[in-house]
Amino acid sequence: MKLVSADASPFARKIRVLLHEADLTADVSVLSAATTPLNTDPTVAAANPMGKIPTLIRDDGPAIYDSRVISRFLNDHADAGLYPDSRLWETLTLEATADGIMDAAVLMTYEKRLRPPEHQSEDWLEAQWKKVAGAVGVLENRWMSHLTGPFDMSHIAVGCALAYLDFRHGDRNWRKGNDALDDWFAVFAERDSMKATVPA
């Protein structure tokens, strides 16, 4: 199988971390693609009609896409146990929260990197950050008991979301007022899977 990816994408990093955690790095090769909403890489377009990454090109079926679809597929493929039945809905909800943080943060990045300065909207940027800050606050105030519990896919998603905030929006300081989450992330970021997937 082949994973169409990009180093800077938090969604693609989530899958690359999963590959390490599920011992799938020998089974899935990573194809790096430089793609944006304004200039879709041909490899991406050929695999995914939406022109988005990550996309998983399978050997025995059509390509699949959306990081949550890919993560469920790879989890089942490896029997990795990252979506435990005993807390499935909590795991899925927390993964969705992390993906929402990524969505808003990536939109902020696109606003600053792809639009000319005279067309950038501070109101748009602040609206997206409000979503990020609200979700981070919920992680701190509602989800620490889950994050400090047994490892599952939601841990990977949250770790990649927070790492992306540091990577692209470090000046926003998501850590302020979120001490428990900050402490958790400091430990999580030291996992071998996270160190192996740091964007260049």
C-alpha atoms as a PDB file:
ATOM      1  CA  MET A   1       0.000   0.000   0.000  1.00  0.00           C
ATOM      2  CA  LYS A   2       1.014   3.598  -0.524  1.00  0.00           C
ATOM      3  CA  LEU A   3       0.149   6.638   1.581  1.00  0.00           C
ATOM      4  CA  VAL A   4       0.023   9.917  -0.330  1.00  0.00           C
ATOM      5  CA  SER A   5       1.181  12.401   2.262  1.00  0.00           C
ATOM      6  CA  ALA A   6       2.829  15.747   2.964  1.00  0.00           C
ATOM      7  CA  ASP A   7       5.202  16.406   5.829  1.00  0.00           C
ATOM      8  CA  ALA A   8       3.444  19.541   7.016  1.00  0.00           C
ATOM      9  CA  SER A   9      -0.105  18.161   7.000  1.00  0.00           C
ATOM     10  CA  PRO A  10      -1.344  17.295  10.502  1.00  0.00           C
ATOM     11  CA  PHE A  11      -3.906  14.905   9.013  1.00  0.00           C
ATOM     12  CA  ALA A  12      -1.197  13.043   7.107  1.00  0.00           C
ATOM     13  CA  ARG A  13       1.074  13.057  10.141  1.00  0.00           C
ATOM     14  CA  LYS A  14      -1.705  11.423  12.148  1.00  0.00           C
ATOM     15  CA  ILE A  15      -1.598   8.483   9.740  1.00  0.00           C
ATOM     16  CA  ARG A  16       2.192   8.346   9.678  1.00  0.00           C
ATOM     17  CA  VAL A  17       2.239   8.194  13.486  1.00  0.00           C
ATOM     18  CA  LEU A  18      -0.320   5.389  13.324  1.00  0.00           C
ATOM     19  CA  LEU A  19       1.940   3.483  10.913  1.00  0.00           C
ATOM     20  CA  HIS A  20       4.712   3.563  13.514  1.00  0.00           C
ATOM     21  CA  GLU A  21       2.461   2.737  16.450  1.00  0.00           C
ATOM     22  CA  ALA A  22       0.804  -0.172  14.615  1.00  0.00           C
ATOM     23  CA  ASP A  23       4.095  -1.514  13.209  1.00  0.00           C
ATOM     24  CA  LEU A  24       2.990  -0.926   9.627  1.00  0.00           C
ATOM     25  CA  THR A  25       5.920   1.093   8.288  1.00  0.00           C
ATOM     26  CA  ALA A  26       7.133  -1.893   6.265  1.00  0.00           C
ATOM     27  CA  ASP A  27       3.682  -2.481   4.766  1.00  0.00           C
ATOM     28  CA  VAL A  28       2.866   1.076   3.685  1.00  0.00           C
ATOM     29  CA  SER A  29       5.242   3.265   1.696  1.00  0.00           C
ATOM     30  CA  VAL A  30       4.889   7.035   1.979  1.00  0.00           C
ATOM     31  CA  LEU A  31       4.698   9.158  -1.175  1.00  0.00           C
ATOM     32  CA  SER A  32       5.337  12.819  -0.431  1.00  0.00           C
ATOM     33  CA  ALA A  33       3.317  15.312  -2.441  1.00  0.00           C
ATOM     34  CA  ALA A  34       3.512  19.097  -2.460  1.00  0.00           C
ATOM     35  CA  THR A  35      -0.102  20.125  -2.879  1.00  0.00           C
ATOM     36  CA  THR A  36      -2.359  23.045  -1.965  1.00  0.00           C
ATOM     37  CA  PRO A  37      -6.010  23.904  -2.640  1.00  0.00           C
ATOM     38  CA  LEU A  38      -4.771  26.227  -5.385  1.00  0.00           C
ATOM     39  CA  ASN A  39      -2.330  23.805  -6.987  1.00  0.00           C
ATOM     40  CA  THR A  40      -3.252  20.147  -6.613  1.00  0.00           C
ATOM     41  CA  ASP A  41      -0.446  17.659  -7.107  1.00  0.00           C
ATOM     42  CA  PRO A  42      -1.261  15.251 -10.000  1.00  0.00           C
ATOM     43  CA  THR A  43      -0.523  12.215  -7.822  1.00  0.00           C
ATOM     44  CA  VAL A  44      -3.050  13.444  -5.280  1.00  0.00           C
ATOM     45  CA  ALA A  45      -5.661  14.252  -7.913  1.00  0.00           C
ATOM     46  CA  ALA A  46      -5.283  10.820  -9.504  1.00  0.00           C
ATOM     47  CA  ALA A  47      -5.899   9.067  -6.188  1.00  0.00           C
ATOM     48  CA  ASN A  48      -8.497  11.354  -4.615  1.00  0.00           C
ATOM     49  CA  PRO A  49     -11.108  13.327  -6.589  1.00  0.00           C
ATOM     50  CA  MET A  50     -11.166  15.905  -3.782  1.00  0.00           C
ATOM     51  CA  GLY A  51      -7.454  16.533  -4.273  1.00  0.00           C
ATOM     52  CA  LYS A  52      -6.741  16.143  -0.557  1.00  0.00           C
ATOM     53  CA  ILE A  53      -4.228  14.327   1.582  1.00  0.00           C
ATOM     54  CA  PRO A  54      -3.804  11.867   3.125  1.00  0.00           C
ATOM     55  CA  THR A  55      -4.980   9.266   0.650  1.00  0.00           C
ATOM     56  CA  LEU A  56      -4.253   5.552   0.953  1.00  0.00           C
ATOM     57  CA  ILE A  57      -3.697   3.673  -2.301  1.00  0.00           C
ATOM     58  CA  ARG A  58      -4.549   0.050  -1.641  1.00  0.00           C
ATOM     59  CA  ASP A  59      -3.244  -2.977  -3.515  1.00  0.00           C
ATOM     60  CA  ASP A  60      -6.629  -4.723  -3.659  1.00  0.00           C
ATOM     61  CA  GLY A  61      -9.219  -1.975  -3.931  1.00  0.00           C
ATOM     62  CA  PRO A  62      -9.858   1.678  -4.731  1.00  0.00           C
ATOM     63  CA  ALA A  63      -7.965   4.380  -2.890  1.00  0.00           C
ATOM     64  CA  ILE A  64      -9.530   5.525   0.361  1.00  0.00           C
ATOM     65  CA  TYR A  65      -9.346   8.989   1.873  1.00  0.00           C
ATOM     66  CA  ASP A  66     -10.157  11.180   4.831  1.00  0.00           C
ATOM     67  CA  SER A  67      -7.788  10.553   7.695  1.00  0.00           C
ATOM     68  CA  ARG A  68     -10.474   9.035   9.935  1.00  0.00           C
ATOM     69  CA  VAL A  69     -11.414   6.510   7.231  1.00  0.00           C
ATOM     70  CA  ILE A  70      -7.763   5.614   6.695  1.00  0.00           C
ATOM     71  CA  SER A  71      -7.065   5.293  10.405  1.00  0.00           C
ATOM     72  CA  ARG A  72      -9.992   2.915  10.893  1.00  0.00           C
ATOM     73  CA  PHE A  73      -8.904   0.839   7.884  1.00  0.00           C
ATOM     74  CA  LEU A  74      -5.285   0.575   9.015  1.00  0.00           C
ATOM     75  CA  ASN A  75      -6.317  -0.165  12.585  1.00  0.00           C
ATOM     76  CA  ASP A  76      -8.427  -3.079  11.368  1.00  0.00           C
ATOM     77  CA  HIS A  77      -5.707  -4.190   8.935  1.00  0.00           C
ATOM     78  CA  ALA A  78      -3.133  -4.400  11.733  1.00  0.00           C
ATOM     79  CA  ASP A  79      -5.560  -5.417  14.482  1.00  0.00           C
ATOM     80  CA  ALA A  80      -3.956  -2.572  16.435  1.00  0.00           C
ATOM     81  CA  GLY A  81      -6.711  -2.057  19.003  1.00  0.00           C
ATOM     82  CA  LEU A  82      -6.711   1.722  18.640  1.00  0.00           C
ATOM     83  CA  TYR A  83     -10.524   1.900  18.649  1.00  0.00           C
ATOM     84  CA  PRO A  84     -11.437  -0.142  21.741  1.00  0.00           C
ATOM     85  CA  ASP A  85     -15.085  -1.135  22.030  1.00  0.00           C
ATOM     86  CA  SER A  86     -15.193  -0.244  25.719  1.00  0.00           C
ATOM     87  CA  ARG A  87     -14.696   3.458  24.989  1.00  0.00           C
ATOM     88  CA  LEU A  88     -15.328   3.670  21.246  1.00  0.00           C
ATOM     89  CA  TRP A  89     -17.602   6.701  21.273  1.00  0.00           C
ATOM     90  CA  GLU A  90     -15.271   8.652  23.539  1.00  0.00           C
ATOM     91  CA  THR A  91     -12.319   7.787  21.315  1.00  0.00           C
ATOM     92  CA  LEU A  92     -14.175   8.820  18.160  1.00  0.00           C
ATOM     93  CA  THR A  93     -15.440  12.053  19.712  1.00  0.00           C
ATOM     94  CA  LEU A  94     -11.998  13.016  20.937  1.00  0.00           C
ATOM     95  CA  GLU A  95     -10.492  12.196  17.540  1.00  0.00           C
ATOM     96  CA  ALA A  96     -13.137  14.389  15.914  1.00  0.00           C
ATOM     97  CA  THR A  97     -12.289  17.198  18.336  1.00  0.00           C
ATOM     98  CA  ALA A  98      -8.617  16.940  17.394  1.00  0.00           C
ATOM     99  CA  ASP A  99      -9.507  16.888  13.694  1.00  0.00           C
ATOM    100  CA  GLY A 100     -11.620  20.011  14.218  1.00  0.00           C
ATOM    101  CA  ILE A 101      -8.596  21.755  15.703  1.00  0.00           C
ATOM    102  CA  MET A 102      -6.576  20.705  12.664  1.00  0.00           C
ATOM    103  CA  ASP A 103      -9.297  21.909  10.271  1.00  0.00           C
ATOM    104  CA  ALA A 104      -9.436  25.386  11.761  1.00  0.00           C
ATOM    105  CA  ALA A 105      -5.669  25.677  12.131  1.00  0.00           C
ATOM    106  CA  VAL A 106      -5.032  24.589   8.534  1.00  0.00           C
ATOM    107  CA  LEU A 107      -7.578  27.145   7.290  1.00  0.00           C
ATOM    108  CA  MET A 108      -5.652  29.809   9.202  1.00  0.00           C
ATOM    109  CA  THR A 109      -2.446  28.655   7.541  1.00  0.00           C
ATOM    110  CA  TYR A 110      -4.028  28.809   4.101  1.00  0.00           C
ATOM    111  CA  GLU A 111      -5.378  32.289   4.785  1.00  0.00           C
ATOM    112  CA  LYS A 112      -1.905  33.558   5.628  1.00  0.00           C
ATOM    113  CA  ARG A 113       0.103  31.606   3.070  1.00  0.00           C
ATOM    114  CA  LEU A 114      -2.128  31.433  -0.010  1.00  0.00           C
ATOM    115  CA  ARG A 115      -4.042  34.721  -0.031  1.00  0.00           C
ATOM    116  CA  PRO A 116      -2.370  38.040  -0.855  1.00  0.00           C
ATOM    117  CA  PRO A 117      -1.931  40.197   2.259  1.00  0.00           C
ATOM    118  CA  GLU A 118      -4.480  42.742   1.060  1.00  0.00           C
ATOM    119  CA  HIS A 119      -7.147  40.028   0.862  1.00  0.00           C
ATOM    120  CA  GLN A 120      -6.460  38.339   4.181  1.00  0.00           C
ATOM    121  CA  SER A 121      -9.180  38.650   6.803  1.00  0.00           C
ATOM    122  CA  GLU A 122      -8.263  39.152  10.443  1.00  0.00           C
ATOM    123  CA  ASP A 123     -11.882  38.447  11.356  1.00  0.00           C
ATOM    124  CA  TRP A 124     -11.621  35.076   9.604  1.00  0.00           C
ATOM    125  CA  LEU A 125      -8.359  34.251  11.354  1.00  0.00           C
ATOM    126  CA  GLU A 126      -9.770  35.161  14.753  1.00  0.00           C
ATOM    127  CA  ALA A 127     -12.944  33.180  14.125  1.00  0.00           C
ATOM    128  CA  GLN A 128     -10.904  30.091  13.314  1.00  0.00           C
ATOM    129  CA  TRP A 129      -8.680  30.578  16.330  1.00  0.00           C
ATOM    130  CA  LYS A 130     -11.747  30.893  18.543  1.00  0.00           C
ATOM    131  CA  LYS A 131     -12.695  27.376  17.438  1.00  0.00           C
ATOM    132  CA  VAL A 132      -9.189  26.115  18.182  1.00  0.00           C
ATOM    133  CA  ALA A 133      -9.039  27.766  21.592  1.00  0.00           C
ATOM    134  CA  GLY A 134     -12.475  26.480  22.526  1.00  0.00           C
ATOM    135  CA  ALA A 135     -11.586  22.919  21.568  1.00  0.00           C
ATOM    136  CA  VAL A 136      -8.240  23.068  23.370  1.00  0.00           C
ATOM    137  CA  GLY A 137     -10.064  24.301  26.456  1.00  0.00           C
ATOM    138  CA  VAL A 138     -12.432  21.342  26.250  1.00  0.00           C
ATOM    139  CA  LEU A 139      -9.460  18.976  26.049  1.00  0.00           C
ATOM    140  CA  GLU A 140      -8.088  20.541  29.220  1.00  0.00           C
ATOM    141  CA  ASN A 141     -11.349  20.626  31.148  1.00  0.00           C
ATOM    142  CA  ARG A 142     -13.170  17.529  29.917  1.00  0.00           C
ATOM    143  CA  TRP A 143     -10.811  15.004  28.334  1.00  0.00           C
ATOM    144  CA  MET A 144      -7.682  14.721  30.473  1.00  0.00           C
ATOM    145  CA  SER A 145      -8.973  11.573  32.171  1.00  0.00           C
ATOM    146  CA  HIS A 146      -9.187   9.932  28.734  1.00  0.00           C
ATOM    147  CA  LEU A 147      -5.843  11.269  27.529  1.00  0.00           C
ATOM    148  CA  THR A 148      -4.081   9.993  30.642  1.00  0.00           C
ATOM    149  CA  GLY A 149      -5.751   6.588  30.231  1.00  0.00           C
ATOM    150  CA  PRO A 150      -4.953   3.672  27.908  1.00  0.00           C
ATOM    151  CA  PHE A 151      -3.468   4.597  24.527  1.00  0.00           C
ATOM    152  CA  ASP A 152      -5.822   4.800  21.542  1.00  0.00           C
ATOM    153  CA  MET A 153      -6.295   6.659  18.256  1.00  0.00           C
ATOM    154  CA  SER A 154      -7.553   9.790  19.967  1.00  0.00           C
ATOM    155  CA  HIS A 155      -4.170  10.243  21.640  1.00  0.00           C
ATOM    156  CA  ILE A 156      -2.484  10.224  18.240  1.00  0.00           C
ATOM    157  CA  ALA A 157      -4.977  12.737  16.835  1.00  0.00           C
ATOM    158  CA  VAL A 158      -4.675  15.133  19.774  1.00  0.00           C
ATOM    159  CA  GLY A 159      -0.894  14.888  19.773  1.00  0.00           C
ATOM    160  CA  CYS A 160      -0.712  15.716  16.062  1.00  0.00           C
ATOM    161  CA  ALA A 161      -3.204  18.579  16.423  1.00  0.00           C
ATOM    162  CA  LEU A 162      -1.239  20.222  19.226  1.00  0.00           C
ATOM    163  CA  ALA A 163       2.050  19.679  17.384  1.00  0.00           C
ATOM    164  CA  TYR A 164       0.580  21.459  14.360  1.00  0.00           C
ATOM    165  CA  LEU A 165      -0.421  24.426  16.518  1.00  0.00           C
ATOM    166  CA  ASP A 166       3.201  24.678  17.638  1.00  0.00           C
ATOM    167  CA  PHE A 167       4.444  24.265  14.067  1.00  0.00           C
ATOM    168  CA  ARG A 168       2.263  26.878  12.368  1.00  0.00           C
ATOM    169  CA  HIS A 169       0.720  28.997  15.134  1.00  0.00           C
ATOM    170  CA  GLY A 170       3.212  28.964  17.970  1.00  0.00           C
ATOM    171  CA  ASP A 171       2.720  32.686  18.566  1.00  0.00           C
ATOM    172  CA  ARG A 172      -0.862  31.966  19.660  1.00  0.00           C
ATOM    173  CA  ASN A 173       0.385  29.993  22.699  1.00  0.00           C
ATOM    174  CA  TRP A 174      -2.287  27.319  23.083  1.00  0.00           C
ATOM    175  CA  ARG A 175      -0.606  26.283  26.362  1.00  0.00           C
ATOM    176  CA  LYS A 176      -1.748  29.355  28.306  1.00  0.00           C
ATOM    177  CA  GLY A 177      -4.333  28.228  30.852  1.00  0.00           C
ATOM    178  CA  ASN A 178      -4.018  24.596  29.747  1.00  0.00           C
ATOM    179  CA  ASP A 179      -1.358  23.307  32.110  1.00  0.00           C
ATOM    180  CA  ALA A 180      -2.521  19.696  32.316  1.00  0.00           C
ATOM    181  CA  LEU A 181      -2.732  19.386  28.536  1.00  0.00           C
ATOM    182  CA  ASP A 182       0.687  21.007  28.192  1.00  0.00           C
ATOM    183  CA  ASP A 183       2.168  18.466  30.606  1.00  0.00           C
ATOM    184  CA  TRP A 184       0.495  15.600  28.751  1.00  0.00           C
ATOM    185  CA  PHE A 185       1.754  16.791  25.375  1.00  0.00           C
ATOM    186  CA  ALA A 186       5.325  17.206  26.624  1.00  0.00           C
ATOM    187  CA  VAL A 187       5.372  13.481  27.403  1.00  0.00           C
ATOM    188  CA  PHE A 188       3.464  12.414  24.280  1.00  0.00           C
ATOM    189  CA  ALA A 189       5.773  14.365  21.963  1.00  0.00           C
ATOM    190  CA  GLU A 190       8.670  12.185  23.136  1.00  0.00           C
ATOM    191  CA  ARG A 191       7.160   9.010  21.682  1.00  0.00           C
ATOM    192  CA  ASP A 192       9.309   7.470  18.960  1.00  0.00           C
ATOM    193  CA  SER A 193       6.411   7.751  16.489  1.00  0.00           C
ATOM    194  CA  MET A 194       6.168  11.503  17.042  1.00  0.00           C
ATOM    195  CA  LYS A 195       9.912  12.042  16.777  1.00  0.00           C
ATOM    196  CA  ALA A 196      10.011  10.038  13.533  1.00  0.00           C
ATOM    197  CA  THR A 197       7.326  12.195  11.896  1.00  0.00           C
ATOM    198  CA  VAL A 198       8.374  15.752  12.803  1.00  0.00           C
ATOM    199  CA  PRO A 199       7.839  17.944   9.706  1.00  0.00           C
ATOM    200  CA  ALA A 200      10.980  19.244   8.091  1.00  0.00           C
END
